[in-house]
Amino acid sequence: MVKIIYVEHNGARHEVNVPDGENLMEGALQNNVPGIDGDCGGNAACATCHCYIPEQWEALTGTRSEQEDAMIELADTAKPNSRLACQIKASAALDGLEIHMPATQH
């Protein structure tokens, strides 16, 4: 299990244990974390699991695919450190990762 900390826009924190290899969107949905909707089921087709990755973790979460990049471009709240939680897999290297969520998901 990998400890992931989901931080809502209002600062509320949710510490969740996500199984190794599971994507962070599924980890949030299975633990009823508000702010991650996952409408497309993890196919990088909706951006309703948009999140922000702190700079110190960016290299460990990998780079955005073209499809993920295209979805993030549609988000009103996109930033350079934006990612889709469905495209990040939990791993031991990410234990303790804190991801932040925008005020709204689209």
PDB file of N, CA and C in Angstrom:
ATOM      1  N   MET A   1       0.843  -1.188   0.000  1.00  0.00           N
ATOM      2  CA  MET A   1       0.000   0.000   0.000  1.00  0.00           C
ATOM      3  C   MET A   1       0.886   1.249   0.000  1.00  0.00           C
ATOM      4  N   VAL A   2       0.374   2.258  -0.681  1.00  0.00           N
ATOM      5  CA  VAL A   2       1.095   3.512  -0.827  1.00  0.00           C
ATOM      6  C   VAL A   2       0.252   4.620  -0.204  1.00  0.00           C
ATOM      7  N   LYS A   3       0.833   5.393   0.705  1.00  0.00           N
ATOM      8  CA  LYS A   3       0.099   6.488   1.342  1.00  0.00           C
ATOM      9  C   LYS A   3       0.073   7.679   0.385  1.00  0.00           C
ATOM     10  N   ILE A   4      -1.143   8.105   0.017  1.00  0.00           N
ATOM     11  CA  ILE A   4      -1.353   9.282  -0.822  1.00  0.00           C
ATOM     12  C   ILE A   4      -2.223  10.244  -0.018  1.00  0.00           C
ATOM     13  N   ILE A   5      -1.861  11.509  -0.038  1.00  0.00           N
ATOM     14  CA  ILE A   5      -2.625  12.530   0.674  1.00  0.00           C
ATOM     15  C   ILE A   5      -3.294  13.424  -0.365  1.00  0.00           C
ATOM     16  N   TYR A   6      -4.612  13.385  -0.385  1.00  0.00           N
ATOM     17  CA  TYR A   6      -5.415  14.196  -1.291  1.00  0.00           C
ATOM     18  C   TYR A   6      -5.815  15.463  -0.535  1.00  0.00           C
ATOM     19  N   VAL A   7      -5.544  16.616  -1.121  1.00  0.00           N
ATOM     20  CA  VAL A   7      -5.847  17.886  -0.465  1.00  0.00           C
ATOM     21  C   VAL A   7      -6.894  18.631  -1.295  1.00  0.00           C
ATOM     22  N   GLU A   8      -8.045  18.831  -0.696  1.00  0.00           N
ATOM     23  CA  GLU A   8      -9.115  19.565  -1.369  1.00  0.00           C
ATOM     24  C   GLU A   8      -8.735  21.035  -1.492  1.00  0.00           C
ATOM     25  N   HIS A   9      -9.432  21.737  -2.359  1.00  0.00           N
ATOM     26  CA  HIS A   9      -9.193  23.161  -2.586  1.00  0.00           C
ATOM     27  C   HIS A   9      -9.302  23.964  -1.286  1.00  0.00           C
ATOM     28  N   ASN A  10     -10.191  23.541  -0.392  1.00  0.00           N
ATOM     29  CA  ASN A  10     -10.400  24.257   0.869  1.00  0.00           C
ATOM     30  C   ASN A  10      -9.397  23.859   1.950  1.00  0.00           C
ATOM     31  N   GLY A  11      -8.450  22.976   1.617  1.00  0.00           N
ATOM     32  CA  GLY A  11      -7.421  22.571   2.569  1.00  0.00           C
ATOM     33  C   GLY A  11      -7.708  21.268   3.297  1.00  0.00           C
ATOM     34  N   ALA A  12      -8.923  20.736   3.188  1.00  0.00           N
ATOM     35  CA  ALA A  12      -9.249  19.462   3.839  1.00  0.00           C
ATOM     36  C   ALA A  12      -8.349  18.367   3.271  1.00  0.00           C
ATOM     37  N   ARG A  13      -7.790  17.566   4.166  1.00  0.00           N
ATOM     38  CA  ARG A  13      -6.832  16.531   3.773  1.00  0.00           C
ATOM     39  C   ARG A  13      -7.428  15.144   3.978  1.00  0.00           C
ATOM     40  N   HIS A  14      -7.116  14.247   3.043  1.00  0.00           N
ATOM     41  CA  HIS A  14      -7.587  12.867   3.108  1.00  0.00           C
ATOM     42  C   HIS A  14      -6.394  11.960   2.864  1.00  0.00           C
ATOM     43  N   GLU A  15      -5.960  11.268   3.912  1.00  0.00           N
ATOM     44  CA  GLU A  15      -4.844  10.330   3.794  1.00  0.00           C
ATOM     45  C   GLU A  15      -5.407   8.956   3.459  1.00  0.00           C
ATOM     46  N   VAL A  16      -4.965   8.404   2.342  1.00  0.00           N
ATOM     47  CA  VAL A  16      -5.526   7.165   1.814  1.00  0.00           C
ATOM     48  C   VAL A  16      -4.404   6.192   1.487  1.00  0.00           C
ATOM     49  N   ASN A  17      -4.625   4.925   1.755  1.00  0.00           N
ATOM     50  CA  ASN A  17      -3.700   3.883   1.324  1.00  0.00           C
ATOM     51  C   ASN A  17      -4.202   3.330  -0.002  1.00  0.00           C
ATOM     52  N   VAL A  18      -3.384   3.487  -1.031  1.00  0.00           N
ATOM     53  CA  VAL A  18      -3.733   3.060  -2.384  1.00  0.00           C
ATOM     54  C   VAL A  18      -2.885   1.836  -2.725  1.00  0.00           C
ATOM     55  N   PRO A  19      -3.482   0.772  -3.229  1.00  0.00           N
ATOM     56  CA  PRO A  19      -2.692  -0.408  -3.601  1.00  0.00           C
ATOM     57  C   PRO A  19      -1.643  -0.074  -4.673  1.00  0.00           C
ATOM     58  N   ASP A  20      -0.484  -0.651  -4.534  1.00  0.00           N
ATOM     59  CA  ASP A  20       0.591  -0.474  -5.506  1.00  0.00           C
ATOM     60  C   ASP A  20       0.079  -0.845  -6.896  1.00  0.00           C
ATOM     61  N   GLY A  21       0.305   0.028  -7.869  1.00  0.00           N
ATOM     62  CA  GLY A  21      -0.120  -0.226  -9.242  1.00  0.00           C
ATOM     63  C   GLY A  21      -1.478   0.337  -9.599  1.00  0.00           C
ATOM     64  N   GLU A  22      -2.270   0.724  -8.599  1.00  0.00           N
ATOM     65  CA  GLU A  22      -3.594   1.302  -8.868  1.00  0.00           C
ATOM     66  C   GLU A  22      -3.424   2.788  -9.164  1.00  0.00           C
ATOM     67  N   ASN A  23      -4.264   3.332 -10.054  1.00  0.00           N
ATOM     68  CA  ASN A  23      -4.121   4.758 -10.342  1.00  0.00           C
ATOM     69  C   ASN A  23      -4.737   5.595  -9.208  1.00  0.00           C
ATOM     70  N   LEU A  24      -4.270   6.835  -9.112  1.00  0.00           N
ATOM     71  CA  LEU A  24      -4.678   7.690  -7.997  1.00  0.00           C
ATOM     72  C   LEU A  24      -6.134   8.117  -8.062  1.00  0.00           C
ATOM     73  N   MET A  25      -6.725   8.129  -9.250  1.00  0.00           N
ATOM     74  CA  MET A  25      -8.156   8.409  -9.366  1.00  0.00           C
ATOM     75  C   MET A  25      -8.953   7.303  -8.685  1.00  0.00           C
ATOM     76  N   GLU A  26      -8.628   6.042  -8.989  1.00  0.00           N
ATOM     77  CA  GLU A  26      -9.326   4.907  -8.371  1.00  0.00           C
ATOM     78  C   GLU A  26      -9.153   4.928  -6.859  1.00  0.00           C
ATOM     79  N   GLY A  27      -7.954   5.252  -6.411  1.00  0.00           N
ATOM     80  CA  GLY A  27      -7.709   5.340  -4.966  1.00  0.00           C
ATOM     81  C   GLY A  27      -8.629   6.349  -4.308  1.00  0.00           C
ATOM     82  N   ALA A  28      -8.830   7.488  -4.968  1.00  0.00           N
ATOM     83  CA  ALA A  28      -9.723   8.519  -4.427  1.00  0.00           C
ATOM     84  C   ALA A  28     -11.172   8.062  -4.455  1.00  0.00           C
ATOM     85  N   LEU A  29     -11.606   7.495  -5.578  1.00  0.00           N
ATOM     86  CA  LEU A  29     -13.001   7.067  -5.703  1.00  0.00           C
ATOM     87  C   LEU A  29     -13.347   5.966  -4.709  1.00  0.00           C
ATOM     88  N   GLN A  30     -12.456   5.004  -4.548  1.00  0.00           N
ATOM     89  CA  GLN A  30     -12.729   3.889  -3.640  1.00  0.00           C
ATOM     90  C   GLN A  30     -12.752   4.314  -2.176  1.00  0.00           C
ATOM     91  N   ASN A  31     -12.180   5.488  -1.900  1.00  0.00           N
ATOM     92  CA  ASN A  31     -12.143   5.982  -0.523  1.00  0.00           C
ATOM     93  C   ASN A  31     -12.990   7.228  -0.325  1.00  0.00           C
ATOM     94  N   ASN A  32     -13.894   7.480  -1.283  1.00  0.00           N
ATOM     95  CA  ASN A  32     -14.851   8.590  -1.182  1.00  0.00           C
ATOM     96  C   ASN A  32     -14.193   9.948  -0.927  1.00  0.00           C
ATOM     97  N   VAL A  33     -13.067  10.189  -1.608  1.00  0.00           N
ATOM     98  CA  VAL A  33     -12.390  11.475  -1.485  1.00  0.00           C
ATOM     99  C   VAL A  33     -13.134  12.493  -2.349  1.00  0.00           C
ATOM    100  N   PRO A  34     -13.667  13.562  -1.754  1.00  0.00           N
ATOM    101  CA  PRO A  34     -14.358  14.568  -2.555  1.00  0.00           C
ATOM    102  C   PRO A  34     -13.367  15.332  -3.436  1.00  0.00           C
ATOM    103  N   GLY A  35     -13.835  15.748  -4.615  1.00  0.00           N
ATOM    104  CA  GLY A  35     -12.997  16.557  -5.491  1.00  0.00           C
ATOM    105  C   GLY A  35     -12.390  15.802  -6.648  1.00  0.00           C
ATOM    106  N   ILE A  36     -12.480  14.482  -6.640  1.00  0.00           N
ATOM    107  CA  ILE A  36     -12.041  13.657  -7.769  1.00  0.00           C
ATOM    108  C   ILE A  36     -13.296  12.933  -8.254  1.00  0.00           C
ATOM    109  N   ASP A  37     -13.727  13.249  -9.487  1.00  0.00           N
ATOM    110  CA  ASP A  37     -14.968  12.666 -10.002  1.00  0.00           C
ATOM    111  C   ASP A  37     -14.745  11.429 -10.861  1.00  0.00           C
ATOM    112  N   GLY A  38     -13.748  11.440 -11.737  1.00  0.00           N
ATOM    113  CA  GLY A  38     -13.448  10.272 -12.560  1.00  0.00           C
ATOM    114  C   GLY A  38     -14.576   9.856 -13.482  1.00  0.00           C
ATOM    115  N   ASP A  39     -15.228  10.810 -14.125  1.00  0.00           N
ATOM    116  CA  ASP A  39     -16.387  10.517 -14.971  1.00  0.00           C
ATOM    117  C   ASP A  39     -16.099   9.560 -16.123  1.00  0.00           C
ATOM    118  N   CYS A  40     -14.891   9.569 -16.677  1.00  0.00           N
ATOM    119  CA  CYS A  40     -14.600   8.724 -17.845  1.00  0.00           C
ATOM    120  C   CYS A  40     -14.048   7.358 -17.442  1.00  0.00           C
ATOM    121  N   GLY A  41     -13.958   7.103 -16.148  1.00  0.00           N
ATOM    122  CA  GLY A  41     -13.497   5.802 -15.697  1.00  0.00           C
ATOM    123  C   GLY A  41     -12.004   5.581 -15.813  1.00  0.00           C
ATOM    124  N   GLY A  42     -11.243   6.638 -15.960  1.00  0.00           N
ATOM    125  CA  GLY A  42      -9.788   6.504 -15.993  1.00  0.00           C
ATOM    126  C   GLY A  42      -9.188   6.416 -17.382  1.00  0.00           C
ATOM    127  N   ASN A  43      -9.903   6.915 -18.370  1.00  0.00           N
ATOM    128  CA  ASN A  43      -9.435   6.842 -19.755  1.00  0.00           C
ATOM    129  C   ASN A  43      -8.797   8.128 -20.263  1.00  0.00           C
ATOM    130  N   ALA A  44      -8.498   9.066 -19.381  1.00  0.00           N
ATOM    131  CA  ALA A  44      -7.904  10.355 -19.757  1.00  0.00           C
ATOM    132  C   ALA A  44      -8.759  11.058 -20.801  1.00  0.00           C
ATOM    133  N   ALA A  45     -10.070  10.984 -20.628  1.00  0.00           N
ATOM    134  CA  ALA A  45     -10.980  11.543 -21.624  1.00  0.00           C
ATOM    135  C   ALA A  45     -11.915  12.615 -21.065  1.00  0.00           C
ATOM    136  N   CYS A  46     -11.702  13.053 -19.810  1.00  0.00           N
ATOM    137  CA  CYS A  46     -12.641  14.033 -19.284  1.00  0.00           C
ATOM    138  C   CYS A  46     -12.017  15.089 -18.374  1.00  0.00           C
ATOM    139  N   ALA A  47     -10.908  14.839 -17.790  1.00  0.00           N
ATOM    140  CA  ALA A  47     -10.232  15.767 -16.870  1.00  0.00           C
ATOM    141  C   ALA A  47     -10.998  16.018 -15.575  1.00  0.00           C
ATOM    142  N   THR A  48     -11.873  15.100 -15.165  1.00  0.00           N
ATOM    143  CA  THR A  48     -12.569  15.273 -13.887  1.00  0.00           C
ATOM    144  C   THR A  48     -11.797  14.656 -12.722  1.00  0.00           C
ATOM    145  N   CYS A  49     -10.550  14.302 -12.986  1.00  0.00           N
ATOM    146  CA  CYS A  49      -9.649  13.870 -11.902  1.00  0.00           C
ATOM    147  C   CYS A  49      -8.398  14.747 -11.922  1.00  0.00           C
ATOM    148  N   HIS A  50      -8.578  15.967 -12.429  1.00  0.00           N
ATOM    149  CA  HIS A  50      -7.495  16.943 -12.517  1.00  0.00           C
ATOM    150  C   HIS A  50      -6.940  17.220 -11.125  1.00  0.00           C
ATOM    151  N   CYS A  51      -5.624  17.272 -11.042  1.00  0.00           N
ATOM    152  CA  CYS A  51      -4.971  17.563  -9.772  1.00  0.00           C
ATOM    153  C   CYS A  51      -3.648  18.280 -10.045  1.00  0.00           C
ATOM    154  N   TYR A  52      -3.048  18.786  -8.988  1.00  0.00           N
ATOM    155  CA  TYR A  52      -1.761  19.453  -9.075  1.00  0.00           C
ATOM    156  C   TYR A  52      -0.727  18.647  -8.297  1.00  0.00           C
ATOM    157  N   ILE A  53       0.417  18.466  -8.906  1.00  0.00           N
ATOM    158  CA  ILE A  53       1.505  17.713  -8.289  1.00  0.00           C
ATOM    159  C   ILE A  53       2.565  18.697  -7.801  1.00  0.00           C
ATOM    160  N   PRO A  54       2.932  18.643  -6.522  1.00  0.00           N
ATOM    161  CA  PRO A  54       3.993  19.526  -6.039  1.00  0.00           C
ATOM    162  C   PRO A  54       5.300  19.281  -6.799  1.00  0.00           C
ATOM    163  N   GLU A  55       6.040  20.343  -6.987  1.00  0.00           N
ATOM    164  CA  GLU A  55       7.255  20.305  -7.805  1.00  0.00           C
ATOM    165  C   GLU A  55       8.204  19.172  -7.427  1.00  0.00           C
ATOM    166  N   GLN A  56       8.390  18.934  -6.149  1.00  0.00           N
ATOM    167  CA  GLN A  56       9.349  17.913  -5.710  1.00  0.00           C
ATOM    168  C   GLN A  56       8.931  16.492  -6.097  1.00  0.00           C
ATOM    169  N   TRP A  57       7.682  16.301  -6.501  1.00  0.00           N
ATOM    170  CA  TRP A  57       7.169  14.985  -6.876  1.00  0.00           C
ATOM    171  C   TRP A  57       7.003  14.810  -8.382  1.00  0.00           C
ATOM    172  N   GLU A  58       7.114  15.888  -9.148  1.00  0.00           N
ATOM    173  CA  GLU A  58       6.809  15.833 -10.576  1.00  0.00           C
ATOM    174  C   GLU A  58       7.614  14.771 -11.327  1.00  0.00           C
ATOM    175  N   ALA A  59       8.901  14.688 -11.074  1.00  0.00           N
ATOM    176  CA  ALA A  59       9.735  13.717 -11.796  1.00  0.00           C
ATOM    177  C   ALA A  59       9.319  12.282 -11.486  1.00  0.00           C
ATOM    178  N   LEU A  60       8.845  12.040 -10.283  1.00  0.00           N
ATOM    179  CA  LEU A  60       8.464  10.681  -9.877  1.00  0.00           C
ATOM    180  C   LEU A  60       7.106  10.251 -10.426  1.00  0.00           C
ATOM    181  N   THR A  61       6.282  11.212 -10.819  1.00  0.00           N
ATOM    182  CA  THR A  61       4.956  10.866 -11.342  1.00  0.00           C
ATOM    183  C   THR A  61       4.958  10.703 -12.857  1.00  0.00           C
ATOM    184  N   GLY A  62       6.082  10.966 -13.506  1.00  0.00           N
ATOM    185  CA  GLY A  62       6.189  10.775 -14.949  1.00  0.00           C
ATOM    186  C   GLY A  62       5.745  12.003 -15.724  1.00  0.00           C
ATOM    187  N   THR A  63       5.729  11.858 -17.029  1.00  0.00           N
ATOM    188  CA  THR A  63       5.340  12.968 -17.890  1.00  0.00           C
ATOM    189  C   THR A  63       3.950  12.717 -18.472  1.00  0.00           C
ATOM    190  N   ARG A  64       3.313  13.781 -18.861  1.00  0.00           N
ATOM    191  CA  ARG A  64       1.977  13.677 -19.440  1.00  0.00           C
ATOM    192  C   ARG A  64       2.058  13.113 -20.861  1.00  0.00           C
ATOM    193  N   SER A  65       1.128  12.243 -21.176  1.00  0.00           N
ATOM    194  CA  SER A  65       0.995  11.750 -22.553  1.00  0.00           C
ATOM    195  C   SER A  65       0.328  12.845 -23.383  1.00  0.00           C
ATOM    196  N   GLU A  66       0.320  12.680 -24.694  1.00  0.00           N
ATOM    197  CA  GLU A  66      -0.353  13.651 -25.559  1.00  0.00           C
ATOM    198  C   GLU A  66      -1.842  13.727 -25.231  1.00  0.00           C
ATOM    199  N   GLN A  67      -2.464  12.582 -24.990  1.00  0.00           N
ATOM    200  CA  GLN A  67      -3.888  12.557 -24.668  1.00  0.00           C
ATOM    201  C   GLN A  67      -4.157  13.280 -23.345  1.00  0.00           C
ATOM    202  N   GLU A  68      -3.340  13.010 -22.342  1.00  0.00           N
ATOM    203  CA  GLU A  68      -3.511  13.672 -21.050  1.00  0.00           C
ATOM    204  C   GLU A  68      -3.306  15.178 -21.204  1.00  0.00           C
ATOM    205  N   ASP A  69      -2.288  15.565 -21.946  1.00  0.00           N
ATOM    206  CA  ASP A  69      -2.001  16.977 -22.174  1.00  0.00           C
ATOM    207  C   ASP A  69      -3.192  17.670 -22.836  1.00  0.00           C
ATOM    208  N   ALA A  70      -3.804  17.020 -23.827  1.00  0.00           N
ATOM    209  CA  ALA A  70      -4.957  17.584 -24.526  1.00  0.00           C
ATOM    210  C   ALA A  70      -6.130  17.791 -23.573  1.00  0.00           C
ATOM    211  N   MET A  71      -6.360  16.857 -22.663  1.00  0.00           N
ATOM    212  CA  MET A  71      -7.459  16.991 -21.706  1.00  0.00           C
ATOM    213  C   MET A  71      -7.182  18.117 -20.714  1.00  0.00           C
ATOM    214  N   ILE A  72      -5.963  18.207 -20.248  1.00  0.00           N
ATOM    215  CA  ILE A  72      -5.610  19.251 -19.278  1.00  0.00           C
ATOM    216  C   ILE A  72      -5.754  20.636 -19.901  1.00  0.00           C
ATOM    217  N   GLU A  73      -5.444  20.749 -21.193  1.00  0.00           N
ATOM    218  CA  GLU A  73      -5.586  22.042 -21.872  1.00  0.00           C
ATOM    219  C   GLU A  73      -7.026  22.546 -21.838  1.00  0.00           C
ATOM    220  N   LEU A  74      -7.989  21.640 -21.711  1.00  0.00           N
ATOM    221  CA  LEU A  74      -9.401  22.022 -21.656  1.00  0.00           C
ATOM    222  C   LEU A  74      -9.837  22.508 -20.272  1.00  0.00           C
ATOM    223  N   ALA A  75      -9.043  22.241 -19.272  1.00  0.00           N
ATOM    224  CA  ALA A  75      -9.400  22.615 -17.902  1.00  0.00           C
ATOM    225  C   ALA A  75      -9.130  24.108 -17.675  1.00  0.00           C
ATOM    226  N   ASP A  76     -10.129  24.796 -17.159  1.00  0.00           N
ATOM    227  CA  ASP A  76      -9.988  26.233 -16.874  1.00  0.00           C
ATOM    228  C   ASP A  76      -8.915  26.506 -15.824  1.00  0.00           C
ATOM    229  N   THR A  77      -8.671  25.544 -14.979  1.00  0.00           N
ATOM    230  CA  THR A  77      -7.765  25.732 -13.846  1.00  0.00           C
ATOM    231  C   THR A  77      -6.402  25.076 -14.058  1.00  0.00           C
ATOM    232  N   ALA A  78      -6.048  24.805 -15.306  1.00  0.00           N
ATOM    233  CA  ALA A  78      -4.774  24.126 -15.607  1.00  0.00           C
ATOM    234  C   ALA A  78      -3.576  24.983 -15.215  1.00  0.00           C
ATOM    235  N   LYS A  79      -2.550  24.296 -14.733  1.00  0.00           N
ATOM    236  CA  LYS A  79      -1.272  24.907 -14.367  1.00  0.00           C
ATOM    237  C   LYS A  79      -0.167  24.021 -14.941  1.00  0.00           C
ATOM    238  N   PRO A  80       1.072  24.494 -14.939  1.00  0.00           N
ATOM    239  CA  PRO A  80       2.170  23.658 -15.450  1.00  0.00           C
ATOM    240  C   PRO A  80       2.316  22.318 -14.717  1.00  0.00           C
ATOM    241  N   ASN A  81       1.907  22.259 -13.457  1.00  0.00           N
ATOM    242  CA  ASN A  81       2.029  21.026 -12.677  1.00  0.00           C
ATOM    243  C   ASN A  81       0.729  20.215 -12.638  1.00  0.00           C
ATOM    244  N   SER A  82      -0.183  20.511 -13.569  1.00  0.00           N
ATOM    245  CA  SER A  82      -1.450  19.773 -13.647  1.00  0.00           C
ATOM    246  C   SER A  82      -1.226  18.364 -14.178  1.00  0.00           C
ATOM    247  N   ARG A  83      -1.976  17.424 -13.609  1.00  0.00           N
ATOM    248  CA  ARG A  83      -1.998  16.037 -14.082  1.00  0.00           C
ATOM    249  C   ARG A  83      -3.408  15.506 -13.934  1.00  0.00           C
ATOM    250  N   LEU A  84      -3.650  14.371 -14.581  1.00  0.00           N
ATOM    251  CA  LEU A  84      -4.883  13.630 -14.371  1.00  0.00           C
ATOM    252  C   LEU A  84      -4.538  12.484 -13.423  1.00  0.00           C
ATOM    253  N   ALA A  85      -5.251  12.392 -12.323  1.00  0.00           N
ATOM    254  CA  ALA A  85      -4.953  11.362 -11.323  1.00  0.00           C
ATOM    255  C   ALA A  85      -5.075   9.955 -11.898  1.00  0.00           C
ATOM    256  N   CYS A  86      -5.906   9.789 -12.929  1.00  0.00           N
ATOM    257  CA  CYS A  86      -6.080   8.465 -13.533  1.00  0.00           C
ATOM    258  C   CYS A  86      -4.829   8.010 -14.278  1.00  0.00           C
ATOM    259  N   GLN A  87      -3.915   8.913 -14.544  1.00  0.00           N
ATOM    260  CA  GLN A  87      -2.719   8.574 -15.306  1.00  0.00           C
ATOM    261  C   GLN A  87      -1.490   8.399 -14.430  1.00  0.00           C
ATOM    262  N   ILE A  88      -1.669   8.448 -13.122  1.00  0.00           N
ATOM    263  CA  ILE A  88      -0.558   8.267 -12.187  1.00  0.00           C
ATOM    264  C   ILE A  88      -0.804   6.998 -11.392  1.00  0.00           C
ATOM    265  N   LYS A  89       0.126   6.071 -11.471  1.00  0.00           N
ATOM    266  CA  LYS A  89       0.009   4.796 -10.751  1.00  0.00           C
ATOM    267  C   LYS A  89       0.741   4.883  -9.415  1.00  0.00           C
ATOM    268  N   ALA A  90       0.106   4.381  -8.381  1.00  0.00           N
ATOM    269  CA  ALA A  90       0.728   4.330  -7.064  1.00  0.00           C
ATOM    270  C   ALA A  90       1.930   3.389  -7.101  1.00  0.00           C
ATOM    271  N   SER A  91       3.003   3.817  -6.459  1.00  0.00           N
ATOM    272  CA  SER A  91       4.200   2.986  -6.344  1.00  0.00           C
ATOM    273  C   SER A  91       4.922   3.386  -5.069  1.00  0.00           C
ATOM    274  N   ALA A  92       5.834   2.549  -4.623  1.00  0.00           N
ATOM    275  CA  ALA A  92       6.579   2.828  -3.398  1.00  0.00           C
ATOM    276  C   ALA A  92       7.282   4.181  -3.476  1.00  0.00           C
ATOM    277  N   ALA A  93       7.720   4.581  -4.672  1.00  0.00           N
ATOM    278  CA  ALA A  93       8.402   5.865  -4.849  1.00  0.00           C
ATOM    279  C   ALA A  93       7.486   7.044  -4.555  1.00  0.00           C
ATOM    280  N   LEU A  94       6.165   6.832  -4.618  1.00  0.00           N
ATOM    281  CA  LEU A  94       5.201   7.905  -4.385  1.00  0.00           C
ATOM    282  C   LEU A  94       4.624   7.897  -2.973  1.00  0.00           C
ATOM    283  N   ASP A  95       5.127   7.033  -2.106  1.00  0.00           N
ATOM    284  CA  ASP A  95       4.614   6.961  -0.742  1.00  0.00           C
ATOM    285  C   ASP A  95       4.771   8.321  -0.063  1.00  0.00           C
ATOM    286  N   GLY A  96       3.652   8.883   0.398  1.00  0.00           N
ATOM    287  CA  GLY A  96       3.648  10.190   1.043  1.00  0.00           C
ATOM    288  C   GLY A  96       3.316  11.337   0.099  1.00  0.00           C
ATOM    289  N   LEU A  97       3.062  11.036  -1.177  1.00  0.00           N
ATOM    290  CA  LEU A  97       2.703  12.061  -2.153  1.00  0.00           C
ATOM    291  C   LEU A  97       1.462  12.813  -1.705  1.00  0.00           C
ATOM    292  N   GLU A  98       1.517  14.130  -1.819  1.00  0.00           N
ATOM    293  CA  GLU A  98       0.390  14.993  -1.506  1.00  0.00           C
ATOM    294  C   GLU A  98      -0.053  15.621  -2.820  1.00  0.00           C
ATOM    295  N   ILE A  99      -1.265  15.331  -3.253  1.00  0.00           N
ATOM    296  CA  ILE A  99      -1.778  15.958  -4.472  1.00  0.00           C
ATOM    297  C   ILE A  99      -2.864  16.952  -4.098  1.00  0.00           C
ATOM    298  N   HIS A 100      -2.940  18.021  -4.855  1.00  0.00           N
ATOM    299  CA  HIS A 100      -3.896  19.083  -4.575  1.00  0.00           C
ATOM    300  C   HIS A 100      -4.932  19.135  -5.689  1.00  0.00           C
ATOM    301  N   MET A 101      -6.151  19.471  -5.312  1.00  0.00           N
ATOM    302  CA  MET A 101      -7.238  19.494  -6.278  1.00  0.00           C
ATOM    303  C   MET A 101      -7.725  20.909  -6.517  1.00  0.00           C
ATOM    304  N   PRO A 102      -8.156  21.199  -7.747  1.00  0.00           N
ATOM    305  CA  PRO A 102      -8.702  22.522  -8.036  1.00  0.00           C
ATOM    306  C   PRO A 102     -10.061  22.705  -7.357  1.00  0.00           C
ATOM    307  N   ALA A 103     -10.546  23.938  -7.393  1.00  0.00           N
ATOM    308  CA  ALA A 103     -11.845  24.235  -6.764  1.00  0.00           C
ATOM    309  C   ALA A 103     -12.989  23.490  -7.431  1.00  0.00           C
ATOM    310  N   THR A 104     -12.882  23.262  -8.754  1.00  0.00           N
ATOM    311  CA  THR A 104     -13.932  22.550  -9.474  1.00  0.00           C
ATOM    312  C   THR A 104     -13.301  21.613 -10.492  1.00  0.00           C
ATOM    313  N   GLN A 105     -14.054  20.598 -10.877  1.00  0.00           N
ATOM    314  CA  GLN A 105     -13.652  19.675 -11.933  1.00  0.00           C
ATOM    315  C   GLN A 105     -14.590  19.885 -13.114  1.00  0.00           C
ATOM    316  N   HIS A 106     -14.062  19.737 -14.334  1.00  0.00           N
ATOM    317  CA  HIS A 106     -14.900  19.912 -15.533  1.00  0.00           C
ATOM    318  C   HIS A 106     -14.941  18.643 -16.332  1.00  0.00           C
TER     319      HIS A 106
END
